[in-house]
Protein backbone atom coordinates (compact mmCIF):
# COMPACT_ATOMS: atom_id res chain seq x y z
CA MET A 1 0.00 0.00 0.00
CA ARG A 2 2.76 2.40 0.89
CA ARG A 3 4.50 1.62 -2.39
CA LEU A 4 1.37 2.59 -4.38
CA VAL A 5 1.21 5.93 -2.58
CA VAL A 6 4.86 6.63 -3.41
CA VAL A 7 4.21 5.85 -7.09
CA GLN A 8 1.17 8.15 -7.17
CA VAL A 9 3.09 10.96 -5.50
CA ALA A 10 5.91 10.57 -8.04
CA ILE A 11 3.47 10.66 -10.97
CA PHE A 12 1.80 13.75 -9.50
CA ALA A 13 5.18 15.48 -9.15
CA VAL A 14 6.10 14.74 -12.78
CA ILE A 15 2.75 16.04 -14.03
CA ALA A 16 3.05 19.17 -11.85
CA ALA A 17 6.58 19.82 -13.11
CA ILE A 18 5.24 19.79 -16.67
CA VAL A 19 1.89 21.52 -16.25
CA VAL A 20 2.82 24.27 -13.80
CA PRO A 21 5.44 25.96 -16.08
CA PHE A 22 3.00 25.92 -18.96
CA GLY A 23 0.33 27.44 -16.73
CA ILE A 24 2.69 30.17 -15.57
CA ARG A 25 3.71 30.93 -19.14
CA PHE A 26 0.07 31.01 -20.23
CA VAL A 27 -0.86 33.44 -17.46
CA ALA A 28 2.31 35.56 -17.23
CA GLY A 29 3.41 35.41 -20.87
CA SER A 30 6.86 34.76 -22.29
CA GLN A 31 8.51 36.85 -19.53
CA GLY A 32 7.12 34.63 -16.77
CA PHE A 33 10.50 32.98 -16.17
CA ARG A 34 12.69 35.92 -17.18
CA THR A 35 13.19 39.50 -16.08
CA PRO A 36 10.94 41.69 -18.25
CA LEU A 37 12.06 44.79 -20.12
CA LEU A 38 10.91 47.69 -17.89
CA LEU A 39 10.12 50.97 -19.66
CA ASN A 40 8.99 54.26 -18.09
CA ALA A 41 6.71 56.98 -19.40
CA THR A 42 5.41 60.31 -18.08
CA MET A 43 2.00 61.67 -19.05
CA THR A 44 -0.12 64.65 -18.02
CA ASP A 45 -3.19 62.38 -18.16
CA ALA A 46 -3.05 58.61 -17.69
CA PHE A 47 -6.61 58.22 -19.09
CA GLY A 48 -7.47 55.77 -16.30
CA LEU A 49 -4.71 53.22 -17.07
CA THR A 50 -4.37 50.38 -14.54
CA ALA A 51 -1.86 47.65 -13.94
CA GLY A 52 -2.41 44.71 -16.27
CA THR A 53 -3.46 46.78 -19.30
CA SER A 54 -2.05 45.18 -22.42
CA VAL A 55 0.91 46.77 -24.20
CA THR A 56 1.27 46.36 -27.97
CA VAL A 57 3.91 47.28 -30.54
CA ARG A 58 2.21 48.15 -33.80
CA GLY A 59 -0.83 46.20 -32.67
CA VAL A 60 1.05 43.07 -31.48
CA GLU A 61 0.78 42.35 -27.74
CA VAL A 62 4.23 42.26 -26.14
CA GLY A 63 3.57 42.98 -22.43
CA THR A 64 1.43 44.73 -19.84
CA VAL A 65 1.32 47.89 -17.73
CA ASP A 66 3.25 47.07 -14.54
CA ASP A 67 2.47 50.15 -12.43
CA VAL A 68 0.60 53.50 -12.63
CA ARG A 69 1.05 56.17 -9.96
CA LEU A 70 1.04 59.92 -9.45
CA GLY A 71 4.43 61.64 -9.38
CA PRO A 72 5.54 64.47 -7.03
CA ASP A 73 5.13 67.05 -9.81
CA GLY A 74 1.50 66.01 -10.47
CA THR A 75 2.22 63.97 -13.62
CA ALA A 76 1.29 60.32 -14.11
CA ARG A 77 4.19 57.86 -13.99
CA ILE A 78 3.60 54.64 -16.00
CA ARG A 79 5.87 51.61 -15.95
CA LEU A 80 5.60 48.97 -18.68
CA ALA A 81 6.74 45.35 -18.46
CA VAL A 82 7.61 44.14 -21.96
CA ASP A 83 8.86 40.81 -23.28
CA PRO A 84 12.70 41.01 -23.09
CA ASP A 85 13.02 39.64 -26.64
CA THR A 86 11.16 42.63 -28.08
CA ARG A 87 13.32 45.15 -29.90
CA ILE A 88 11.79 48.63 -29.86
CA PRO A 89 13.59 51.58 -31.53
CA ARG A 90 14.40 54.49 -29.21
CA ASP A 91 12.31 56.91 -31.29
CA ALA A 92 9.08 55.03 -30.44
CA ILE A 93 6.23 56.98 -28.82
CA MET A 94 3.51 55.71 -26.47
CA THR A 95 -0.20 56.27 -27.08
CA VAL A 96 -3.25 55.24 -25.07
CA GLY A 97 -6.31 54.12 -26.98
CA MET A 98 -9.55 52.22 -26.63
CA GLY A 99 -9.97 49.08 -28.62
CA THR A 100 -13.77 48.91 -28.19
CA ALA A 101 -16.71 51.18 -27.36
CA ALA A 102 -16.88 49.51 -23.96
CA GLY A 103 -13.82 51.52 -22.87
CA ILE A 104 -11.24 48.71 -22.75
CA GLN A 105 -7.91 50.54 -22.95
CA SER A 106 -4.59 49.51 -24.38
CA VAL A 107 -1.12 51.01 -24.65
CA ASP A 108 0.48 51.01 -28.07
CA LEU A 109 4.16 51.70 -28.77
CA LEU A 110 4.63 53.22 -32.22
CA PRO A 111 8.23 53.08 -33.57
CA GLN A 112 9.09 55.90 -35.99
CA SER A 113 11.74 53.80 -37.74
CA ASN A 114 12.76 50.17 -38.20
CA ASP A 115 16.41 50.34 -37.14
CA GLY A 116 18.26 50.68 -33.84
CA PRO A 117 19.41 51.76 -31.40
CA TYR A 118 16.78 49.98 -29.32
CA LEU A 119 15.28 50.65 -25.89
CA ALA A 120 16.87 48.96 -22.89
CA SER A 121 15.44 48.24 -19.45
CA GLY A 122 14.98 51.47 -17.48
CA ASP A 123 14.71 53.75 -20.54
CA THR A 124 11.94 56.31 -20.90
CA VAL A 125 9.43 56.29 -23.74
CA ALA A 126 8.07 59.60 -25.02
CA ALA A 127 4.29 60.08 -24.67
CA PRO A 128 3.48 63.44 -26.31
CA ALA A 129 0.06 64.81 -25.42
CA ASP A 130 -0.71 65.89 -28.99
CA ARG A 131 -0.28 62.30 -30.24
CA GLN A 132 -2.78 60.78 -27.82
CA PRO A 133 -6.06 59.76 -29.45
CA VAL A 134 -9.36 61.24 -28.41
CA GLN A 135 -10.90 59.05 -25.72
CA MET A 136 -14.27 57.39 -26.17
CA ASP A 137 -15.97 59.35 -23.40
CA GLN A 138 -14.91 62.63 -24.98
CA VAL A 139 -16.16 61.48 -28.37
CA MET A 140 -19.53 60.50 -26.90
CA ALA A 141 -19.80 63.83 -25.06
CA GLU A 142 -19.04 65.78 -28.23
CA ALA A 143 -21.54 63.65 -30.14
CA GLY A 144 -24.18 64.40 -27.52
CA ARG A 145 -23.58 68.13 -27.71
CA LEU A 146 -23.75 67.97 -31.51
CA ALA A 147 -27.04 66.09 -31.39
CA LYS A 148 -28.52 68.74 -29.09
CA LYS A 149 -27.66 71.46 -31.60
CA ILE A 150 -29.54 69.78 -34.44
CA ASP A 151 -32.93 71.39 -35.11
CA ALA A 152 -35.60 68.71 -35.30
CA LYS A 153 -37.78 70.89 -37.54
CA ALA A 154 -34.90 71.39 -39.98
CA VAL A 155 -34.35 67.64 -40.11
CA GLY A 156 -38.03 67.17 -40.89
CA ASP A 157 -37.86 69.74 -43.67
CA VAL A 158 -34.80 68.02 -45.14
CA SER A 159 -36.60 64.66 -45.04
CA THR A 160 -39.63 66.17 -46.76
CA GLU A 161 -37.51 67.76 -49.48
CA LEU A 162 -35.62 64.52 -50.06
CA SER A 163 -38.90 62.65 -50.32
CA ASP A 164 -40.23 65.14 -52.87
CA SER A 165 -36.93 65.06 -54.81
CA PHE A 166 -36.89 61.28 -55.23
CA SER A 167 -40.63 60.93 -55.73
CA GLY A 168 -41.32 59.15 -59.02
CA LEU A 169 -37.63 58.46 -59.73
CA GLY A 170 -37.75 54.81 -58.73
CA PRO A 171 -37.49 53.38 -62.29
CA SER A 172 -34.68 55.79 -63.20
CA LEU A 173 -32.72 54.95 -60.04
CA ALA A 174 -33.24 51.24 -60.68
CA ALA A 175 -31.95 51.64 -64.25
CA LEU A 176 -28.99 53.65 -62.94
CA ILE A 177 -28.13 50.90 -60.44
CA ASP A 178 -28.48 48.23 -63.13
CA ASN A 179 -26.24 50.22 -65.48
CA GLY A 180 -23.71 50.66 -62.70
CA ALA A 181 -23.64 46.90 -62.14
CA ASP A 182 -23.25 46.32 -65.89
CA ILE A 183 -20.39 48.85 -66.08
CA SER A 184 -18.69 47.17 -63.11
CA GLN A 185 -18.92 43.78 -64.80
CA ARG A 186 -17.48 45.18 -68.03
CA ILE A 187 -14.63 46.85 -66.17
CA HIS A 188 -13.93 43.59 -64.32
CA ALA A 189 -13.90 41.69 -67.63
CA ARG A 190 -11.45 44.23 -69.12
CA PHE A 191 -9.30 44.53 -66.03
CA GLY A 192 -6.32 42.91 -67.75
CA GLU A 193 -6.40 45.60 -70.44
CA LEU A 194 -7.12 48.47 -68.06
CA GLU A 195 -4.34 47.59 -65.61
CA PRO A 196 -1.46 48.64 -67.93
CA LEU A 197 -3.39 51.81 -68.79
CA ILE A 198 -3.84 52.66 -65.11
CA ALA A 199 -0.19 51.85 -64.38
CA GLY A 200 0.91 54.03 -67.31
CA THR A 201 -1.32 56.86 -66.08
CA VAL A 202 0.27 56.60 -62.64
CA ASN A 203 3.76 56.73 -64.17
CA LEU A 204 2.73 59.70 -66.33
CA VAL A 205 1.32 61.60 -63.36
CA THR A 206 4.44 60.77 -61.34
CA THR A 207 6.68 62.02 -64.14
CA MET A 208 4.62 65.20 -64.49
CA ALA A 209 4.85 65.75 -60.76
CA GLY A 210 8.62 65.32 -60.94
CA GLN A 211 8.75 67.85 -63.79
CA GLY A 212 6.69 70.41 -61.90
CA ASN A 213 9.52 72.94 -61.84
CA SER A 214 10.04 72.64 -65.60
CA PHE A 215 6.31 73.10 -66.17
CA VAL A 216 6.30 76.24 -64.03
CA ARG A 217 9.32 77.61 -65.91
CA GLY A 218 7.58 76.86 -69.21
CA MET A 219 4.46 78.73 -68.10
CA ASN A 220 6.61 81.67 -66.99
CA ALA A 221 8.35 81.69 -70.37
CA SER A 222 4.94 81.62 -72.12
CA ALA A 223 3.80 84.53 -69.97
CA ARG A 224 6.94 86.51 -70.84
CA PHE A 225 6.49 85.70 -74.54
CA THR A 226 2.89 86.90 -74.40
CA THR A 227 4.00 90.09 -72.68
CA GLN A 228 6.62 90.69 -75.38
CA LEU A 229 3.99 90.16 -78.09
CA ASP A 230 1.76 92.67 -76.36
CA ASP A 231 4.63 95.17 -76.10
CA SER A 232 5.39 94.63 -79.80
CA GLY A 233 1.89 95.68 -80.87
CA PRO A 234 3.11 98.77 -82.82
CA VAL A 235 5.57 96.60 -84.78
CA PHE A 236 2.82 94.19 -85.79
CA LEU A 237 0.63 97.09 -86.84
CA TYR A 238 3.47 98.42 -89.01
CA LEU A 239 3.99 94.99 -90.59
CA THR A 240 0.27 94.69 -91.24
CA ASP A 241 0.22 98.06 -92.98
CA HIS A 242 3.18 97.19 -95.22
CA ALA A 243 2.33 93.51 -95.77
CA PRO A 244 0.48 94.08 -99.09
CA GLU A 245 3.56 95.71 -100.63
CA THR A 246 5.77 92.84 -99.44
CA LEU A 247 3.37 90.19 -100.78
CA THR A 248 3.24 91.99 -104.13
CA SER A 249 7.05 91.87 -104.36
CA VAL A 250 7.07 88.15 -103.53
CA GLN A 251 4.43 87.53 -106.19
CA LYS A 252 6.58 89.30 -108.79
CA VAL A 253 9.56 87.11 -107.90
CA MET A 254 7.43 83.96 -108.11
CA ASP A 255 6.04 84.99 -111.51
CA THR A 256 9.52 85.79 -112.85
CA TYR A 257 10.97 82.40 -111.90
CA ARG A 258 7.83 80.33 -112.41
CA ASP A 259 9.28 78.25 -115.23
CA THR A 260 12.42 77.34 -113.27
CA PHE A 261 10.55 75.83 -110.31
CA GLY A 262 9.46 72.78 -112.30
CA ALA A 263 13.02 72.05 -113.39
CA THR A 264 14.26 72.48 -109.83
CA LEU A 265 11.64 70.08 -108.47
CA ALA A 266 12.39 67.60 -111.27
CA ASN A 267 16.10 67.73 -110.39
CA LEU A 268 15.25 67.14 -106.76
CA ALA A 269 13.10 64.16 -107.77
CA THR A 270 16.12 62.78 -109.69
CA VAL A 271 18.61 63.39 -106.90
CA ALA A 272 16.42 61.96 -104.10
CA PRO A 273 16.53 58.27 -105.29
CA ILE A 274 20.29 58.50 -105.79
CA ILE A 275 20.77 59.77 -102.23
CA GLY A 276 18.28 57.20 -100.93
CA ASP A 277 20.23 54.32 -102.52
CA ARG A 278 23.41 55.59 -100.86
CA THR A 279 22.04 55.96 -97.36
CA GLU A 280 24.53 53.52 -95.91
CA SER A 281 27.42 55.18 -97.73
CA LEU A 282 26.32 58.59 -96.46
CA GLN A 283 26.02 57.20 -92.95
CA THR A 284 29.52 55.72 -93.18
CA GLY A 285 30.81 59.02 -94.50
CA LEU A 286 29.19 60.99 -91.69
CA GLN A 287 30.92 58.67 -89.24
CA ALA A 288 34.28 58.61 -91.01
CA ILE A 289 34.57 62.31 -91.90
CA PRO A 290 34.80 63.55 -88.26
CA GLN A 291 37.43 60.90 -87.52
CA GLY A 292 39.29 61.85 -90.70
CA LEU A 293 39.26 65.53 -89.71
CA TYR A 294 40.53 64.56 -86.28
CA ASP A 295 43.33 62.49 -87.83
CA LEU A 296 44.12 65.31 -90.24
CA SER A 297 44.49 67.73 -87.34
CA SER A 298 47.18 65.44 -85.87
CA ILE A 299 49.64 66.45 -88.63
CA VAL A 300 49.73 70.04 -87.39
CA LYS A 301 53.00 70.75 -85.63
CA LYS A 302 52.78 74.13 -83.97
CA ASP A 303 51.93 76.48 -86.90
CA ARG A 304 52.95 74.08 -89.72
CA ALA A 305 51.49 70.98 -91.34
CA ASP A 306 53.81 67.98 -91.44
CA PHE A 307 53.19 65.80 -94.56
CA ALA A 308 54.95 62.56 -95.51
CA LEU A 309 54.59 60.97 -98.99
CA ILE A 310 55.23 57.22 -99.27
CA ALA A 311 55.44 55.84 -102.82
CA THR A 312 56.12 52.39 -104.30
CA GLN A 313 57.47 51.23 -107.61
CA GLY A 314 56.92 48.33 -109.87
CA PRO A 315 54.05 46.73 -111.79
CA VAL A 316 50.90 45.50 -110.11
CA CYS A 317 48.72 42.44 -110.70
CA VAL A 318 45.00 43.18 -111.07
CA HIS A 319 41.80 41.34 -112.03
CA ASP A 320 38.95 43.19 -113.70
CA VAL A 321 35.75 42.45 -111.76
CA ASP A 322 32.19 43.68 -112.06
CA ARG A 323 31.09 46.31 -109.59
CA ARG A 324 28.35 45.29 -107.17
CA ALA A 325 25.05 47.12 -107.06
CA ILE A 326 24.69 49.88 -104.51
CA GLY A 327 23.27 48.50 -101.27
CA ASP A 328 24.18 44.87 -102.09
CA LEU A 329 25.61 43.52 -98.83
CA SER A 330 25.24 39.82 -99.58
CA PRO A 331 28.31 37.63 -98.87
CA VAL A 332 30.59 36.84 -101.83
CA GLN A 333 32.43 33.56 -102.27
CA PRO A 334 36.16 33.94 -103.04
CA ASN A 335 37.35 33.00 -106.53
CA LEU A 336 40.09 30.40 -106.00
CA VAL A 337 41.05 29.98 -109.67
CA ARG A 338 42.59 33.44 -110.05
CA TYR A 339 46.31 33.87 -109.67
CA CYS A 340 49.09 36.32 -110.40
CA PRO A 341 51.84 35.08 -112.71
CA PRO A 342 55.27 35.08 -111.07
CA SER A 343 57.22 38.22 -111.92
CA PRO A 344 60.01 40.12 -110.18
CA ASP A 345 58.93 43.10 -108.09
CA MET A 346 55.26 42.19 -108.56
CA GLN A 347 52.81 44.05 -106.35
CA MET A 348 49.16 43.18 -105.73
CA ARG A 349 46.26 45.55 -105.07
CA GLY A 350 42.69 45.00 -103.88
CA ALA A 351 40.84 42.32 -101.91
CA VAL A 352 40.00 40.37 -105.09
CA ASN A 353 43.72 39.86 -105.68
CA ALA A 354 44.48 38.49 -102.22
CA PRO A 355 47.05 35.64 -102.16
CA ARG A 356 45.70 32.11 -102.47
CA PRO A 357 45.78 29.86 -99.42
CA ASN A 358 49.20 28.32 -98.90
CA ASP A 359 47.92 24.76 -99.17
CA LEU A 360 46.61 25.43 -102.70
CA GLY A 361 49.78 26.84 -104.23
CA MET A 362 49.31 26.99 -108.01
CA GLN A 363 46.66 24.23 -107.97
CA ASN A 364 43.61 24.96 -110.20
CA SER A 365 45.20 28.23 -111.32
CA GLN A 366 43.21 29.15 -114.42
CA ILE A 367 42.71 32.93 -114.62
CA PRO A 368 45.95 34.92 -114.58
CA GLY A 369 45.85 38.52 -113.49
CA GLY A 370 46.77 41.41 -115.74
CA VAL A 371 50.04 43.23 -115.18
CA ILE A 372 50.06 47.01 -115.44
CA GLY A 373 52.56 49.65 -114.43
CA PRO A 374 56.19 50.43 -115.21
CA PRO A 375 59.01 48.22 -113.97
CA VAL A 376 61.05 49.12 -110.95
CA ALA A 377 63.59 51.83 -111.68
CA ARG A 378 66.99 50.25 -111.28
CA ASP A 379 68.70 53.61 -111.06
CA PRO A 380 67.51 55.25 -107.85
CA MET A 381 68.75 58.61 -109.07
CA LYS A 382 66.42 58.48 -112.10
CA ILE A 383 63.40 60.33 -110.69
CA PRO A 384 60.51 60.98 -113.17
CA THR A 385 59.03 64.43 -113.54
CA LEU A 386 55.56 65.34 -112.31
CA ALA A 387 54.16 65.23 -115.84
CA GLU A 388 55.53 61.71 -116.34
CA LEU A 389 54.00 60.56 -113.07
CA VAL A 390 50.60 61.95 -114.07
CA TYR A 391 50.79 60.29 -117.47
CA LYS A 392 51.77 56.93 -116.01
CA TRP A 393 49.04 57.12 -113.38
CA ARG A 394 46.37 57.78 -116.03
CA MET A 395 47.61 54.86 -118.11
CA MET A 396 47.51 52.57 -115.08
CA LEU A 397 43.93 53.59 -114.34
CA ARG A 398 42.95 52.73 -117.91
CA GLY A 399 44.61 49.32 -117.61
CA ASN A 400 47.17 49.97 -120.35
CA ASP A 401 50.79 49.06 -120.18
CA VAL A 402 53.03 52.08 -119.94
CA PRO A 403 55.80 52.19 -122.55
CA ARG A 404 59.27 52.30 -121.15
């Protein structure tokens, strides 16, 4: 018998050791086994706060009011017991509100930022009077005073006028409500299309708001321009008086050169397609000309231009090829049957005369290139005159051999 009692006592102790801590935590909260975070606040009016009133941070309960008492200077001293794991920024303020119309109060801590430093035990929380909400009893008192000021006769007159205004409008109001429901359904069905429009409108309004200063400056400029136009009234009157004479002179000029306008327009019609076909060439030129001018400026040395002329001698190997049409950018396959016949001092010009791949050598060589140009001058002191150089250059351009 004694052994059964011992077993029962042991079981009771185990159950108590498990249940009692849970009960304490349920009643006292998470700080039941730890020292709570104690915060102080001073208020001119405690609004009837009592110990045990819940304390929340942004609406989440984190503790209770530990003590409320009157200080020596006549202010209310409130002490809050908060869960020690709660991190509350130092810029938080305390407000007292009522969660229900029954007058159940609560204390809410409202952080003004999300970062530290954070409040520690013993710190004071600001409770500004102008941030405290209006209490329920004050609201009800103000509502009562407002109700007393309402004239019952005036209310009756308003009701009568409203009744007369809506009399006979039942079908129209019903149609309006039905149309509103239909419009709502259509908007809901087109929400996917309206959403980008609304988002774009928001972005447009935001951009316009950001450009407010520019808009104001533009309006000021328009106002100044209008003022200048108004100040220039005499000038406009003068131009108006002399406008007929000016128009008559313009008409004479137009009549004199009437026959030349057609030719000018015809020439423009001829030039336009040519320029249009060379758009890419013009674009390349517009890009290359500035770089060429920049490179040309690099030859200037102080106040002189430094030129260097590099010339070569000897005949060149060329192949006559057909020119491609303007704007033809299609890839071209290389011609591997062309070759240049071996010759001393032979030079090659142009991409079409590029050397054959080394592994081909003279294999499949079928089309020899033409040789133009004078041979290399063996006597370096024998320098041709400018007229001879011009003559030889023209002959080379024509593809004719230059006589020695």
